[in-house]
């Protein structure tokens, strides 16, 4: 089962079970006009739904390879299906991200996707936690802003840069995009 097939099947199961989720990561960028290759499927999921999500993914033949209160990761035994990573929403910021998520469509299937500002917040967190991600995540951030410039909430983005003590980067980014 390829990435697209796994993704659409999983979304249909989440929707059927009324899981509170939002697509994040590389696949989410496509819904905001950015084409980028990715090898995994990433979601933000409410902590209240994590047991349903875990069972759903394991019933698809996946194995849990890592779990904490922040994230759970799944791998298919023969790697013929893409890895699935679940970020668990249990704090104010991540729960608010779920509330702000936007409904998009793939074929006739509803998909909840984080808004660009919240994807940017997760990208900042990712490269602050792992500097090897910085170049790709900064490119993703710039592309999200460029493709959605007319609707970007700069105050929300500024809040995320402030959380990660990156205000100089924020001011430089805003200078380049706002005249």
N, C-alpha and C. Protein backbone atom coordinates (compact mmCIF):
# COMPACT_ATOMS: atom_id res chain seq x y z
N UNK A 1 0.85 -1.17 0.00
CA UNK A 1 0.00 0.00 0.00
C UNK A 1 0.90 1.24 0.00
N UNK A 2 0.78 2.05 -1.01
CA UNK A 2 1.60 3.25 -1.14
C UNK A 2 1.15 4.34 -0.18
N UNK A 3 1.92 5.42 -0.13
CA UNK A 3 1.66 6.52 0.78
C UNK A 3 0.24 7.06 0.60
N UNK A 4 -0.15 7.38 -0.62
CA UNK A 4 -1.47 7.96 -0.88
C UNK A 4 -2.58 7.01 -0.42
N UNK A 5 -2.46 5.75 -0.76
CA UNK A 5 -3.49 4.78 -0.38
C UNK A 5 -3.59 4.63 1.14
N UNK A 6 -2.44 4.55 1.79
CA UNK A 6 -2.41 4.44 3.25
C UNK A 6 -3.02 5.69 3.87
N UNK A 7 -2.63 6.84 3.36
CA UNK A 7 -3.13 8.13 3.87
C UNK A 7 -4.65 8.22 3.75
N UNK A 8 -5.20 7.96 2.57
CA UNK A 8 -6.64 8.11 2.38
C UNK A 8 -7.42 7.06 3.19
N UNK A 9 -6.88 5.86 3.29
CA UNK A 9 -7.54 4.83 4.09
C UNK A 9 -7.57 5.23 5.56
N UNK A 10 -6.45 5.72 6.05
CA UNK A 10 -6.35 6.13 7.45
C UNK A 10 -7.29 7.31 7.75
N UNK A 11 -7.34 8.27 6.84
CA UNK A 11 -8.24 9.41 7.01
C UNK A 11 -9.69 8.95 7.08
N UNK A 12 -10.06 8.01 6.21
CA UNK A 12 -11.44 7.51 6.23
C UNK A 12 -11.75 6.83 7.57
N UNK A 13 -10.79 6.10 8.11
CA UNK A 13 -10.99 5.45 9.42
C UNK A 13 -11.09 6.48 10.54
N UNK A 14 -10.22 7.50 10.51
CA UNK A 14 -10.27 8.56 11.53
C UNK A 14 -11.62 9.28 11.47
N UNK A 15 -12.06 9.61 10.25
CA UNK A 15 -13.33 10.32 10.11
C UNK A 15 -14.49 9.46 10.61
N UNK A 16 -14.47 8.19 10.27
CA UNK A 16 -15.54 7.28 10.69
C UNK A 16 -15.59 7.17 12.22
N UNK A 17 -14.43 7.16 12.86
CA UNK A 17 -14.35 7.05 14.32
C UNK A 17 -14.47 8.39 15.02
N UNK A 18 -14.62 9.46 14.25
CA UNK A 18 -14.74 10.83 14.80
C UNK A 18 -13.51 11.24 15.62
N UNK A 19 -12.34 10.82 15.16
CA UNK A 19 -11.08 11.19 15.80
C UNK A 19 -10.83 12.68 15.58
N UNK A 20 -10.40 13.36 16.64
CA UNK A 20 -10.02 14.77 16.55
C UNK A 20 -8.55 14.82 16.13
N UNK A 21 -8.31 15.08 14.85
CA UNK A 21 -6.97 15.04 14.28
C UNK A 21 -6.79 16.21 13.32
N UNK A 22 -5.55 16.43 12.94
CA UNK A 22 -5.22 17.33 11.83
C UNK A 22 -3.94 16.82 11.19
N UNK A 23 -3.90 16.89 9.88
CA UNK A 23 -2.71 16.52 9.12
C UNK A 23 -1.64 17.58 9.35
N UNK A 24 -0.41 17.11 9.56
CA UNK A 24 0.74 18.01 9.74
C UNK A 24 1.87 17.46 8.86
N UNK A 25 3.03 18.07 8.93
CA UNK A 25 4.19 17.55 8.21
C UNK A 25 4.13 17.80 6.71
N UNK A 26 4.94 17.03 5.99
CA UNK A 26 5.10 17.22 4.54
C UNK A 26 3.81 17.13 3.75
N UNK A 27 2.94 16.19 4.09
CA UNK A 27 1.69 16.06 3.34
C UNK A 27 0.77 17.27 3.53
N UNK A 28 0.81 17.88 4.69
CA UNK A 28 -0.06 19.04 4.93
C UNK A 28 0.29 20.21 4.01
N UNK A 29 1.54 20.30 3.60
CA UNK A 29 1.98 21.41 2.75
C UNK A 29 1.25 21.43 1.42
N UNK A 30 0.91 20.27 0.89
CA UNK A 30 0.23 20.20 -0.40
C UNK A 30 -1.11 20.93 -0.36
N UNK A 31 -1.77 20.90 0.78
CA UNK A 31 -3.07 21.58 0.90
C UNK A 31 -2.94 23.09 0.94
N UNK A 32 -1.72 23.57 1.10
CA UNK A 32 -1.46 25.01 1.10
C UNK A 32 -0.60 25.42 -0.08
N UNK A 33 -0.61 24.60 -1.14
CA UNK A 33 0.01 24.97 -2.40
C UNK A 33 1.48 24.66 -2.54
N UNK A 34 2.01 23.77 -1.70
CA UNK A 34 3.44 23.46 -1.74
C UNK A 34 3.63 21.98 -2.02
N UNK A 35 4.27 21.68 -3.12
CA UNK A 35 4.60 20.30 -3.42
C UNK A 35 5.96 19.95 -2.84
N UNK A 36 5.98 18.90 -2.05
CA UNK A 36 7.25 18.46 -1.46
C UNK A 36 7.16 16.97 -1.23
N UNK A 37 8.25 16.27 -1.56
CA UNK A 37 8.30 14.83 -1.31
C UNK A 37 8.36 14.55 0.18
N UNK A 38 7.72 13.46 0.55
CA UNK A 38 7.77 13.01 1.94
C UNK A 38 7.65 11.49 1.96
N UNK A 39 8.14 10.89 3.01
CA UNK A 39 8.10 9.43 3.08
C UNK A 39 7.21 8.92 4.21
N UNK A 40 6.67 9.86 5.02
CA UNK A 40 5.84 9.42 6.14
C UNK A 40 4.55 10.23 6.19
N UNK A 41 3.67 9.82 7.10
CA UNK A 41 2.40 10.49 7.31
C UNK A 41 2.39 10.98 8.75
N UNK A 42 2.12 12.28 8.94
CA UNK A 42 2.19 12.90 10.26
C UNK A 42 0.85 13.51 10.62
N UNK A 43 0.42 13.28 11.86
CA UNK A 43 -0.83 13.84 12.37
C UNK A 43 -0.62 14.44 13.74
N UNK A 44 -1.44 15.43 14.04
CA UNK A 44 -1.64 15.90 15.41
C UNK A 44 -2.98 15.33 15.83
N UNK A 45 -3.03 14.66 16.98
CA UNK A 45 -4.24 13.98 17.44
C UNK A 45 -4.50 14.35 18.90
N UNK A 46 -5.78 14.59 19.21
CA UNK A 46 -6.16 14.87 20.58
C UNK A 46 -5.77 13.71 21.49
N UNK A 47 -5.27 14.04 22.66
CA UNK A 47 -4.89 13.00 23.62
C UNK A 47 -6.08 12.11 23.99
N UNK A 48 -7.29 12.65 23.91
CA UNK A 48 -8.48 11.88 24.23
C UNK A 48 -8.74 10.75 23.22
N UNK A 49 -8.19 10.87 22.03
CA UNK A 49 -8.43 9.88 20.96
C UNK A 49 -7.24 8.96 20.72
N UNK A 50 -6.21 9.05 21.53
CA UNK A 50 -4.98 8.33 21.23
C UNK A 50 -5.16 6.81 21.27
N UNK A 51 -5.98 6.30 22.15
CA UNK A 51 -6.20 4.84 22.19
C UNK A 51 -6.90 4.34 20.93
N UNK A 52 -7.88 5.11 20.45
CA UNK A 52 -8.56 4.75 19.19
C UNK A 52 -7.58 4.77 18.03
N UNK A 53 -6.75 5.80 17.99
CA UNK A 53 -5.76 5.94 16.91
C UNK A 53 -4.76 4.80 16.95
N UNK A 54 -4.27 4.50 18.12
CA UNK A 54 -3.30 3.41 18.26
C UNK A 54 -3.89 2.09 17.78
N UNK A 55 -5.10 1.78 18.20
CA UNK A 55 -5.75 0.53 17.78
C UNK A 55 -6.01 0.53 16.27
N UNK A 56 -6.46 1.65 15.73
CA UNK A 56 -6.73 1.76 14.29
C UNK A 56 -5.49 1.45 13.47
N UNK A 57 -4.37 2.06 13.86
CA UNK A 57 -3.13 1.89 13.11
C UNK A 57 -2.58 0.47 13.29
N UNK A 58 -2.64 -0.05 14.49
CA UNK A 58 -2.18 -1.43 14.72
C UNK A 58 -3.06 -2.44 13.98
N UNK A 59 -4.36 -2.17 13.88
CA UNK A 59 -5.26 -3.05 13.11
C UNK A 59 -4.93 -3.05 11.62
N UNK A 60 -4.22 -2.02 11.16
CA UNK A 60 -3.77 -1.97 9.76
C UNK A 60 -2.50 -2.79 9.55
N UNK A 61 -1.98 -3.37 10.62
CA UNK A 61 -0.77 -4.19 10.51
C UNK A 61 0.51 -3.48 10.92
N UNK A 62 0.39 -2.28 11.45
CA UNK A 62 1.55 -1.52 11.91
C UNK A 62 1.95 -1.93 13.32
N UNK A 63 3.21 -1.69 13.65
CA UNK A 63 3.72 -1.91 15.01
C UNK A 63 4.16 -0.59 15.60
N UNK A 64 3.88 -0.42 16.88
CA UNK A 64 4.35 0.74 17.62
C UNK A 64 5.86 0.59 17.81
N UNK A 65 6.63 1.57 17.34
CA UNK A 65 8.09 1.49 17.50
C UNK A 65 8.61 2.49 18.53
N UNK A 66 7.78 3.50 18.85
CA UNK A 66 8.18 4.46 19.88
C UNK A 66 6.91 5.09 20.45
N UNK A 67 6.91 5.31 21.74
CA UNK A 67 5.79 5.97 22.36
C UNK A 67 6.20 6.77 23.57
N UNK A 68 5.65 7.96 23.69
CA UNK A 68 5.84 8.80 24.87
C UNK A 68 4.54 9.58 25.05
N UNK A 69 4.50 10.47 26.02
CA UNK A 69 3.29 11.27 26.19
C UNK A 69 3.19 12.35 25.12
N UNK A 70 4.26 12.55 24.35
CA UNK A 70 4.29 13.58 23.30
C UNK A 70 4.05 13.04 21.90
N UNK A 71 4.52 11.83 21.63
CA UNK A 71 4.49 11.31 20.27
C UNK A 71 4.42 9.79 20.29
N UNK A 72 3.76 9.22 19.27
CA UNK A 72 3.84 7.78 19.03
C UNK A 72 4.17 7.58 17.55
N UNK A 73 5.00 6.57 17.29
CA UNK A 73 5.45 6.30 15.92
C UNK A 73 5.21 4.85 15.58
N UNK A 74 4.78 4.64 14.33
CA UNK A 74 4.46 3.30 13.85
C UNK A 74 5.25 2.99 12.58
N UNK A 75 5.60 1.73 12.45
CA UNK A 75 6.32 1.22 11.27
C UNK A 75 5.63 -0.05 10.82
N UNK A 76 5.58 -0.26 9.51
CA UNK A 76 5.04 -1.49 8.96
C UNK A 76 6.18 -2.49 8.87
N UNK A 77 5.91 -3.74 9.18
CA UNK A 77 6.96 -4.75 9.37
C UNK A 77 7.92 -4.87 8.18
N UNK A 78 7.42 -4.85 6.97
CA UNK A 78 8.32 -5.02 5.81
C UNK A 78 8.60 -3.70 5.09
N UNK A 79 8.23 -2.59 5.70
CA UNK A 79 8.43 -1.25 5.15
C UNK A 79 7.73 -1.02 3.81
N UNK A 80 6.73 -1.82 3.49
CA UNK A 80 5.99 -1.63 2.24
C UNK A 80 4.94 -0.52 2.36
N UNK A 81 4.73 -0.05 3.58
CA UNK A 81 3.83 1.07 3.83
C UNK A 81 4.61 2.17 4.53
N UNK A 82 4.18 3.40 4.39
CA UNK A 82 4.94 4.51 4.98
C UNK A 82 4.84 4.52 6.51
N UNK A 83 5.88 5.04 7.16
CA UNK A 83 5.80 5.24 8.61
C UNK A 83 4.69 6.24 8.94
N UNK A 84 4.13 6.11 10.14
CA UNK A 84 3.10 7.02 10.61
C UNK A 84 3.55 7.58 11.95
N UNK A 85 3.57 8.91 12.04
CA UNK A 85 3.96 9.59 13.27
C UNK A 85 2.77 10.39 13.80
N UNK A 86 2.50 10.25 15.09
CA UNK A 86 1.39 10.94 15.73
C UNK A 86 1.93 11.84 16.83
N UNK A 87 1.71 13.13 16.69
CA UNK A 87 2.02 14.10 17.73
C UNK A 87 0.76 14.23 18.59
N UNK A 88 0.90 14.10 19.89
CA UNK A 88 -0.25 14.06 20.79
C UNK A 88 -0.54 15.47 21.33
N UNK A 89 -1.78 15.93 21.08
CA UNK A 89 -2.20 17.25 21.57
C UNK A 89 -2.78 17.11 22.97
N UNK A 90 -2.06 17.70 23.93
CA UNK A 90 -2.57 17.68 25.31
C UNK A 90 -2.25 18.97 26.05
N UNK A 91 -1.76 19.95 25.33
CA UNK A 91 -1.48 21.26 25.93
C UNK A 91 -2.31 22.33 25.23
N UNK A 92 -2.34 23.50 25.81
CA UNK A 92 -3.14 24.61 25.28
C UNK A 92 -2.82 24.88 23.81
N UNK A 93 -1.55 25.03 23.48
CA UNK A 93 -1.19 25.39 22.11
C UNK A 93 -1.61 24.32 21.11
N UNK A 94 -1.32 23.08 21.40
CA UNK A 94 -1.64 22.02 20.43
C UNK A 94 -3.14 21.77 20.34
N UNK A 95 -3.86 21.90 21.45
CA UNK A 95 -5.32 21.76 21.40
C UNK A 95 -5.94 22.90 20.59
N UNK A 96 -5.40 24.11 20.73
CA UNK A 96 -5.89 25.23 19.92
C UNK A 96 -5.59 25.03 18.44
N UNK A 97 -4.46 24.40 18.14
CA UNK A 97 -4.16 24.09 16.74
C UNK A 97 -5.25 23.20 16.14
N UNK A 98 -5.67 22.19 16.89
CA UNK A 98 -6.74 21.31 16.41
C UNK A 98 -8.03 22.09 16.18
N UNK A 99 -8.35 23.00 17.10
CA UNK A 99 -9.57 23.80 16.96
C UNK A 99 -9.54 24.67 15.71
N UNK A 100 -8.35 25.18 15.35
CA UNK A 100 -8.22 26.06 14.18
C UNK A 100 -8.05 25.31 12.87
N UNK A 101 -7.89 23.99 12.92
CA UNK A 101 -7.61 23.25 11.68
C UNK A 101 -8.69 23.52 10.64
N UNK A 102 -8.30 23.38 9.38
CA UNK A 102 -9.16 23.71 8.25
C UNK A 102 -9.58 22.43 7.53
N UNK A 103 -10.82 22.38 7.07
CA UNK A 103 -11.28 21.23 6.29
C UNK A 103 -10.88 21.39 4.84
N UNK A 104 -10.20 20.40 4.33
CA UNK A 104 -9.81 20.34 2.92
C UNK A 104 -10.35 19.02 2.37
N UNK A 105 -10.12 18.78 1.10
CA UNK A 105 -10.64 17.56 0.48
C UNK A 105 -9.58 16.88 -0.39
N UNK A 106 -9.57 15.56 -0.35
CA UNK A 106 -8.82 14.74 -1.28
C UNK A 106 -9.88 13.83 -1.90
N UNK A 107 -10.08 13.98 -3.20
CA UNK A 107 -11.21 13.35 -3.87
C UNK A 107 -12.48 13.78 -3.11
N UNK A 108 -13.28 12.86 -2.60
CA UNK A 108 -14.48 13.23 -1.84
C UNK A 108 -14.28 13.09 -0.34
N UNK A 109 -13.05 12.93 0.09
CA UNK A 109 -12.74 12.66 1.48
C UNK A 109 -12.35 13.94 2.21
N UNK A 110 -13.05 14.23 3.33
CA UNK A 110 -12.69 15.39 4.14
C UNK A 110 -11.41 15.10 4.91
N UNK A 111 -10.51 16.08 4.91
CA UNK A 111 -9.25 15.97 5.63
C UNK A 111 -9.07 17.24 6.45
N UNK A 112 -8.83 17.09 7.74
CA UNK A 112 -8.55 18.24 8.59
C UNK A 112 -7.04 18.51 8.52
N UNK A 113 -6.69 19.75 8.22
CA UNK A 113 -5.30 20.15 8.02
C UNK A 113 -5.02 21.38 8.88
N UNK A 114 -3.85 21.39 9.51
CA UNK A 114 -3.48 22.59 10.27
C UNK A 114 -3.39 23.79 9.34
N UNK A 115 -3.69 24.97 9.89
CA UNK A 115 -3.53 26.20 9.12
C UNK A 115 -2.03 26.51 9.00
N UNK A 116 -1.66 27.33 8.00
CA UNK A 116 -0.23 27.60 7.78
C UNK A 116 0.51 28.10 9.01
N UNK A 117 -0.09 29.00 9.78
CA UNK A 117 0.60 29.56 10.95
C UNK A 117 0.95 28.47 11.95
N UNK A 118 0.05 27.51 12.15
CA UNK A 118 0.32 26.45 13.10
C UNK A 118 1.32 25.43 12.57
N UNK A 119 1.30 25.20 11.26
CA UNK A 119 2.34 24.36 10.66
C UNK A 119 3.70 25.01 10.88
N UNK A 120 3.74 26.33 10.72
CA UNK A 120 5.00 27.07 10.96
C UNK A 120 5.45 26.89 12.40
N UNK A 121 4.53 26.96 13.35
CA UNK A 121 4.88 26.75 14.75
C UNK A 121 5.52 25.39 14.98
N UNK A 122 4.94 24.34 14.36
CA UNK A 122 5.52 23.00 14.50
C UNK A 122 6.86 22.87 13.79
N UNK A 123 7.01 23.56 12.66
CA UNK A 123 8.30 23.55 11.95
C UNK A 123 9.39 24.19 12.81
N UNK A 124 9.05 25.29 13.48
CA UNK A 124 10.02 25.93 14.37
C UNK A 124 10.42 24.99 15.51
N UNK A 125 9.44 24.36 16.11
CA UNK A 125 9.72 23.41 17.19
C UNK A 125 10.60 22.28 16.69
N UNK A 126 10.31 21.78 15.49
CA UNK A 126 11.06 20.65 14.95
C UNK A 126 12.53 20.99 14.77
N UNK A 127 12.82 22.15 14.16
CA UNK A 127 14.24 22.42 13.93
C UNK A 127 14.94 22.96 15.17
N UNK A 128 14.21 23.48 16.13
CA UNK A 128 14.84 23.83 17.41
C UNK A 128 15.23 22.57 18.17
N UNK A 129 14.45 21.50 18.00
CA UNK A 129 14.75 20.22 18.65
C UNK A 129 15.77 19.39 17.89
N UNK A 130 15.91 19.63 16.59
CA UNK A 130 16.82 18.84 15.75
C UNK A 130 17.37 19.74 14.65
N UNK A 131 18.57 20.26 14.87
CA UNK A 131 19.15 21.24 13.95
C UNK A 131 19.35 20.70 12.53
N UNK A 132 19.37 19.39 12.34
CA UNK A 132 19.53 18.84 10.98
C UNK A 132 18.29 19.12 10.13
N UNK A 133 17.18 19.51 10.74
CA UNK A 133 15.94 19.81 10.01
C UNK A 133 15.83 21.27 9.59
N UNK A 134 16.73 22.11 10.06
CA UNK A 134 16.58 23.55 9.92
C UNK A 134 16.44 24.03 8.48
N UNK A 135 17.28 23.58 7.59
CA UNK A 135 17.25 24.07 6.21
C UNK A 135 15.91 23.74 5.54
N UNK A 136 15.47 22.49 5.64
CA UNK A 136 14.19 22.10 5.01
C UNK A 136 13.01 22.80 5.68
N UNK A 137 13.01 22.87 7.01
CA UNK A 137 11.89 23.49 7.71
C UNK A 137 11.81 25.00 7.43
N UNK A 138 12.95 25.67 7.35
CA UNK A 138 12.93 27.09 7.00
C UNK A 138 12.42 27.30 5.58
N UNK A 139 12.79 26.42 4.66
CA UNK A 139 12.27 26.51 3.29
C UNK A 139 10.76 26.30 3.28
N UNK A 140 10.29 25.33 4.05
CA UNK A 140 8.84 25.08 4.15
C UNK A 140 8.11 26.31 4.71
N UNK A 141 8.68 26.92 5.72
CA UNK A 141 8.08 28.12 6.33
C UNK A 141 7.96 29.23 5.29
N UNK A 142 9.04 29.48 4.58
CA UNK A 142 9.02 30.54 3.58
C UNK A 142 8.01 30.24 2.48
N UNK A 143 7.93 28.99 2.06
CA UNK A 143 6.96 28.63 1.03
C UNK A 143 5.52 28.76 1.53
N UNK A 144 5.26 28.39 2.77
CA UNK A 144 3.93 28.57 3.34
C UNK A 144 3.53 30.04 3.34
N UNK A 145 4.45 30.90 3.74
CA UNK A 145 4.15 32.33 3.75
C UNK A 145 3.96 32.85 2.34
N UNK A 146 4.86 32.52 1.45
CA UNK A 146 4.80 32.99 0.05
C UNK A 146 3.48 32.58 -0.61
N UNK A 147 3.07 31.34 -0.40
CA UNK A 147 1.86 30.84 -1.07
C UNK A 147 0.57 31.29 -0.41
N UNK A 148 0.65 31.83 0.79
CA UNK A 148 -0.56 32.22 1.52
C UNK A 148 -0.45 33.64 2.07
N UNK A 149 0.37 34.45 1.43
CA UNK A 149 0.74 35.77 1.93
C UNK A 149 -0.48 36.66 2.23
N UNK A 150 -1.50 36.60 1.41
CA UNK A 150 -2.66 37.48 1.61
C UNK A 150 -3.47 37.13 2.86
N UNK A 151 -3.29 35.93 3.39
CA UNK A 151 -4.09 35.50 4.54
C UNK A 151 -3.28 35.17 5.79
N UNK A 152 -2.00 35.46 5.76
CA UNK A 152 -1.14 35.12 6.90
C UNK A 152 -1.41 36.02 8.10
N UNK A 153 -1.51 35.41 9.27
CA UNK A 153 -1.67 36.13 10.53
C UNK A 153 -0.27 36.27 11.14
N UNK A 154 0.34 37.43 10.91
CA UNK A 154 1.70 37.65 11.35
C UNK A 154 1.82 37.63 12.87
N UNK A 155 0.78 38.05 13.58
CA UNK A 155 0.84 38.03 15.04
C UNK A 155 0.95 36.61 15.58
N UNK A 156 0.21 35.68 14.98
CA UNK A 156 0.27 34.28 15.40
C UNK A 156 1.67 33.72 15.13
N UNK A 157 2.23 34.06 13.98
CA UNK A 157 3.58 33.60 13.65
C UNK A 157 4.59 34.20 14.61
N UNK A 158 4.43 35.48 14.91
CA UNK A 158 5.33 36.14 15.86
C UNK A 158 5.30 35.45 17.22
N UNK A 159 4.12 35.05 17.67
CA UNK A 159 4.01 34.33 18.95
C UNK A 159 4.86 33.07 18.94
N UNK A 160 4.82 32.31 17.84
CA UNK A 160 5.62 31.08 17.76
C UNK A 160 7.12 31.38 17.77
N UNK A 161 7.54 32.39 17.01
CA UNK A 161 8.96 32.74 17.01
C UNK A 161 9.40 33.20 18.40
N UNK A 162 8.52 33.90 19.10
CA UNK A 162 8.84 34.36 20.46
C UNK A 162 9.00 33.18 21.41
N UNK A 163 8.13 32.18 21.31
CA UNK A 163 8.22 30.99 22.17
C UNK A 163 9.59 30.35 22.06
N UNK A 164 10.11 30.29 20.84
CA UNK A 164 11.39 29.61 20.61
C UNK A 164 12.58 30.57 20.61
N UNK A 165 12.35 31.80 21.09
CA UNK A 165 13.41 32.80 21.23
C UNK A 165 14.12 33.04 19.89
N UNK A 166 13.31 33.23 18.85
CA UNK A 166 13.84 33.43 17.49
C UNK A 166 13.34 34.75 16.90
N UNK A 167 13.22 35.77 17.72
CA UNK A 167 12.63 37.03 17.26
C UNK A 167 13.46 37.71 16.17
N UNK A 168 14.78 37.59 16.21
CA UNK A 168 15.59 38.19 15.14
C UNK A 168 15.25 37.53 13.80
N UNK A 169 15.06 36.21 13.81
CA UNK A 169 14.67 35.50 12.59
C UNK A 169 13.28 35.95 12.12
N UNK A 170 12.37 36.15 13.07
CA UNK A 170 11.02 36.60 12.71
C UNK A 170 11.08 37.96 12.02
N UNK A 171 11.81 38.90 12.59
CA UNK A 171 11.88 40.25 12.01
C UNK A 171 12.49 40.22 10.61
N UNK A 172 13.50 39.39 10.42
CA UNK A 172 14.10 39.26 9.09
C UNK A 172 13.11 38.64 8.11
N UNK A 173 12.39 37.63 8.53
CA UNK A 173 11.38 36.99 7.68
C UNK A 173 10.28 37.98 7.30
N UNK A 174 9.78 38.69 8.27
CA UNK A 174 8.72 39.65 7.99
C UNK A 174 9.20 40.77 7.09
N UNK A 175 10.43 41.23 7.29
CA UNK A 175 11.00 42.29 6.43
C UNK A 175 11.02 41.85 4.98
N UNK A 176 11.36 40.58 4.74
CA UNK A 176 11.43 40.08 3.36
C UNK A 176 10.07 39.93 2.70
N UNK A 177 9.02 39.70 3.49
CA UNK A 177 7.71 39.43 2.91
C UNK A 177 6.72 40.58 2.99
N UNK A 178 6.94 41.53 3.90
CA UNK A 178 6.01 42.64 4.05
C UNK A 178 6.74 43.92 3.70
N UNK A 179 6.17 44.64 2.72
CA UNK A 179 6.84 45.89 2.34
C UNK A 179 6.34 47.07 3.10
